[in-house]
Amino acid sequence: MNSSASTLNQGKGYGKLAIQEVVRMLQERSDCQQIRVSHVPHNISANALYKRCGFQDTGEFEDNGDIILSYQVR
């Protein structure tokens, strides 16, 4: 799944709310132990947003070079 916000809606907190809602929904599932996301290396804003939502660097990269972060649910 890819996500992005138009420049008109960036900086308004919509992305953070969406991430928090997805995390909340996945926390309710007993079969979800970890959530993983990735972003292109130059997207510093995405990295900061994911980290503000509790995601942590894994030190791993997608085959295309995207940075992988994870959120431990349990």
N, C-alpha and C. Protein backbone atom coordinates (compact mmCIF):
# COMPACT_ATOMS: atom_id res chain seq x y z
N MET A 1 0.84 -1.17 0.00
CA MET A 1 0.00 0.00 0.00
C MET A 1 0.89 1.24 0.00
N ASN A 2 0.61 2.17 -0.83
CA ASN A 2 1.31 3.46 -0.86
C ASN A 2 0.37 4.53 -0.34
N SER A 3 0.95 5.54 0.27
CA SER A 3 0.13 6.66 0.72
C SER A 3 0.91 7.96 0.54
N SER A 4 0.17 9.01 0.33
CA SER A 4 0.78 10.35 0.25
C SER A 4 -0.34 11.36 0.41
N ALA A 5 0.05 12.57 0.75
CA ALA A 5 -0.92 13.66 0.89
C ALA A 5 -0.55 14.76 -0.09
N SER A 6 -1.55 15.39 -0.66
CA SER A 6 -1.28 16.50 -1.56
C SER A 6 -0.60 17.62 -0.78
N THR A 7 0.10 18.47 -1.48
CA THR A 7 0.82 19.56 -0.81
C THR A 7 -0.15 20.46 -0.05
N LEU A 8 -1.40 20.54 -0.48
CA LEU A 8 -2.39 21.36 0.23
C LEU A 8 -2.74 20.79 1.59
N ASN A 9 -2.59 19.48 1.76
CA ASN A 9 -2.98 18.84 3.02
C ASN A 9 -1.79 18.43 3.88
N GLN A 10 -0.59 18.64 3.43
CA GLN A 10 0.58 18.27 4.21
C GLN A 10 0.74 19.22 5.40
N GLY A 11 1.23 18.66 6.51
CA GLY A 11 1.48 19.48 7.69
C GLY A 11 0.24 19.74 8.54
N LYS A 12 -0.87 19.11 8.22
CA LYS A 12 -2.11 19.32 8.97
C LYS A 12 -2.42 18.19 9.93
N GLY A 13 -1.56 17.17 9.98
CA GLY A 13 -1.75 16.08 10.92
C GLY A 13 -2.57 14.92 10.39
N TYR A 14 -3.02 14.99 9.13
CA TYR A 14 -3.84 13.91 8.58
C TYR A 14 -3.06 12.60 8.48
N GLY A 15 -1.81 12.67 8.06
CA GLY A 15 -0.98 11.47 7.94
C GLY A 15 -0.79 10.80 9.29
N LYS A 16 -0.51 11.59 10.31
CA LYS A 16 -0.31 11.04 11.65
C LYS A 16 -1.59 10.38 12.15
N LEU A 17 -2.71 11.03 11.94
CA LEU A 17 -3.99 10.44 12.36
C LEU A 17 -4.26 9.13 11.63
N ALA A 18 -3.96 9.09 10.34
CA ALA A 18 -4.19 7.87 9.56
C ALA A 18 -3.30 6.74 10.06
N ILE A 19 -2.03 7.04 10.30
CA ILE A 19 -1.10 6.01 10.80
C ILE A 19 -1.55 5.52 12.17
N GLN A 20 -1.92 6.43 13.04
CA GLN A 20 -2.37 6.05 14.38
C GLN A 20 -3.61 5.17 14.31
N GLU A 21 -4.52 5.45 13.39
CA GLU A 21 -5.73 4.65 13.25
C GLU A 21 -5.41 3.25 12.73
N VAL A 22 -4.50 3.14 11.76
CA VAL A 22 -4.10 1.83 11.26
C VAL A 22 -3.43 1.03 12.38
N VAL A 23 -2.55 1.67 13.13
CA VAL A 23 -1.89 0.99 14.25
C VAL A 23 -2.93 0.52 15.26
N ARG A 24 -3.89 1.36 15.59
CA ARG A 24 -4.95 0.99 16.53
C ARG A 24 -5.73 -0.22 16.03
N MET A 25 -6.10 -0.20 14.76
CA MET A 25 -6.86 -1.32 14.19
C MET A 25 -6.06 -2.61 14.22
N LEU A 26 -4.77 -2.53 13.90
CA LEU A 26 -3.94 -3.73 13.89
C LEU A 26 -3.64 -4.23 15.30
N GLN A 27 -3.62 -3.34 16.28
CA GLN A 27 -3.41 -3.75 17.66
C GLN A 27 -4.57 -4.60 18.17
N GLU A 28 -5.73 -4.43 17.60
CA GLU A 28 -6.91 -5.20 18.01
C GLU A 28 -6.86 -6.63 17.48
N ARG A 29 -6.02 -6.89 16.51
CA ARG A 29 -5.92 -8.23 15.93
C ARG A 29 -4.95 -9.07 16.76
N SER A 30 -5.38 -10.24 17.14
CA SER A 30 -4.52 -11.11 17.94
C SER A 30 -3.38 -11.72 17.13
N ASP A 31 -3.50 -11.70 15.81
CA ASP A 31 -2.47 -12.31 14.96
C ASP A 31 -1.42 -11.31 14.46
N CYS A 32 -1.51 -10.07 14.89
CA CYS A 32 -0.55 -9.05 14.45
C CYS A 32 0.47 -8.79 15.56
N GLN A 33 1.73 -9.07 15.26
CA GLN A 33 2.79 -8.84 16.24
C GLN A 33 3.69 -7.68 15.87
N GLN A 34 3.74 -7.36 14.59
CA GLN A 34 4.64 -6.30 14.13
C GLN A 34 4.05 -5.64 12.88
N ILE A 35 4.24 -4.33 12.80
CA ILE A 35 3.83 -3.57 11.62
C ILE A 35 5.11 -3.02 10.99
N ARG A 36 5.25 -3.20 9.68
CA ARG A 36 6.43 -2.72 8.99
C ARG A 36 6.01 -1.75 7.89
N VAL A 37 6.76 -0.66 7.78
CA VAL A 37 6.54 0.33 6.73
C VAL A 37 7.89 0.64 6.09
N SER A 38 7.83 1.23 4.92
CA SER A 38 9.09 1.64 4.27
C SER A 38 8.87 2.95 3.54
N HIS A 39 9.97 3.64 3.29
CA HIS A 39 9.92 4.91 2.57
C HIS A 39 11.24 5.13 1.84
N VAL A 40 11.19 5.99 0.81
CA VAL A 40 12.40 6.29 0.06
C VAL A 40 13.39 7.01 0.98
N PRO A 41 14.68 6.77 0.81
CA PRO A 41 15.68 7.32 1.73
C PRO A 41 15.66 8.85 1.87
N HIS A 42 15.35 9.56 0.80
CA HIS A 42 15.40 11.03 0.87
C HIS A 42 14.16 11.65 1.51
N ASN A 43 13.16 10.84 1.88
CA ASN A 43 11.94 11.38 2.48
C ASN A 43 12.09 11.47 4.00
N ILE A 44 12.79 12.50 4.42
CA ILE A 44 13.07 12.72 5.83
C ILE A 44 11.79 12.98 6.62
N SER A 45 10.83 13.64 5.99
CA SER A 45 9.56 13.93 6.66
C SER A 45 8.80 12.65 7.00
N ALA A 46 8.78 11.69 6.07
CA ALA A 46 8.10 10.42 6.32
C ALA A 46 8.79 9.68 7.46
N ASN A 47 10.12 9.68 7.46
CA ASN A 47 10.88 9.01 8.52
C ASN A 47 10.53 9.60 9.88
N ALA A 48 10.50 10.92 9.95
CA ALA A 48 10.18 11.60 11.22
C ALA A 48 8.74 11.30 11.64
N LEU A 49 7.81 11.29 10.69
CA LEU A 49 6.41 11.00 11.00
C LEU A 49 6.26 9.59 11.56
N TYR A 50 6.85 8.61 10.89
CA TYR A 50 6.75 7.23 11.38
C TYR A 50 7.35 7.11 12.78
N LYS A 51 8.48 7.76 13.02
CA LYS A 51 9.11 7.68 14.34
C LYS A 51 8.26 8.36 15.41
N ARG A 52 7.60 9.46 15.07
CA ARG A 52 6.69 10.11 16.04
C ARG A 52 5.51 9.20 16.39
N CYS A 53 5.19 8.29 15.48
CA CYS A 53 4.08 7.36 15.71
C CYS A 53 4.55 6.06 16.36
N GLY A 54 5.83 5.98 16.73
CA GLY A 54 6.32 4.82 17.46
C GLY A 54 7.10 3.80 16.65
N PHE A 55 7.29 4.04 15.37
CA PHE A 55 8.07 3.12 14.55
C PHE A 55 9.56 3.32 14.82
N GLN A 56 10.34 2.26 14.64
CA GLN A 56 11.78 2.32 14.87
C GLN A 56 12.53 1.78 13.66
N ASP A 57 13.74 2.31 13.47
CA ASP A 57 14.60 1.82 12.39
C ASP A 57 14.91 0.34 12.61
N THR A 58 14.93 -0.43 11.53
CA THR A 58 15.29 -1.84 11.61
C THR A 58 16.71 -2.09 11.12
N GLY A 59 17.27 -1.10 10.41
CA GLY A 59 18.57 -1.30 9.79
C GLY A 59 18.46 -2.10 8.50
N GLU A 60 17.23 -2.37 8.07
CA GLU A 60 16.98 -3.14 6.86
C GLU A 60 16.52 -2.23 5.73
N PHE A 61 16.68 -2.72 4.51
CA PHE A 61 16.27 -1.97 3.33
C PHE A 61 15.52 -2.89 2.37
N GLU A 62 14.55 -2.32 1.67
CA GLU A 62 13.86 -3.05 0.59
C GLU A 62 14.87 -3.27 -0.54
N ASP A 63 14.56 -4.16 -1.46
CA ASP A 63 15.44 -4.41 -2.61
C ASP A 63 15.68 -3.14 -3.42
N ASN A 64 14.72 -2.21 -3.41
CA ASN A 64 14.86 -0.96 -4.16
C ASN A 64 15.56 0.14 -3.36
N GLY A 65 16.02 -0.18 -2.14
CA GLY A 65 16.74 0.79 -1.31
C GLY A 65 15.90 1.53 -0.30
N ASP A 66 14.58 1.32 -0.31
CA ASP A 66 13.72 2.00 0.67
C ASP A 66 14.08 1.55 2.08
N ILE A 67 13.97 2.48 3.02
CA ILE A 67 14.27 2.23 4.44
C ILE A 67 13.06 1.55 5.09
N ILE A 68 13.32 0.49 5.88
CA ILE A 68 12.26 -0.23 6.56
C ILE A 68 12.24 0.14 8.04
N LEU A 69 11.06 0.46 8.56
CA LEU A 69 10.86 0.72 9.98
C LEU A 69 9.82 -0.27 10.49
N SER A 70 9.83 -0.51 11.80
CA SER A 70 8.85 -1.44 12.37
C SER A 70 8.24 -0.89 13.65
N TYR A 71 7.07 -1.40 13.95
CA TYR A 71 6.33 -1.07 15.18
C TYR A 71 5.98 -2.39 15.83
N GLN A 72 6.47 -2.59 17.05
CA GLN A 72 6.18 -3.83 17.77
C GLN A 72 4.82 -3.72 18.43
N VAL A 73 3.89 -4.56 18.03
CA VAL A 73 2.54 -4.54 18.57
C VAL A 73 2.51 -5.32 19.89
N ARG A 74 3.19 -6.49 19.90
CA ARG A 74 3.24 -7.34 21.09
C ARG A 74 4.64 -7.77 21.35
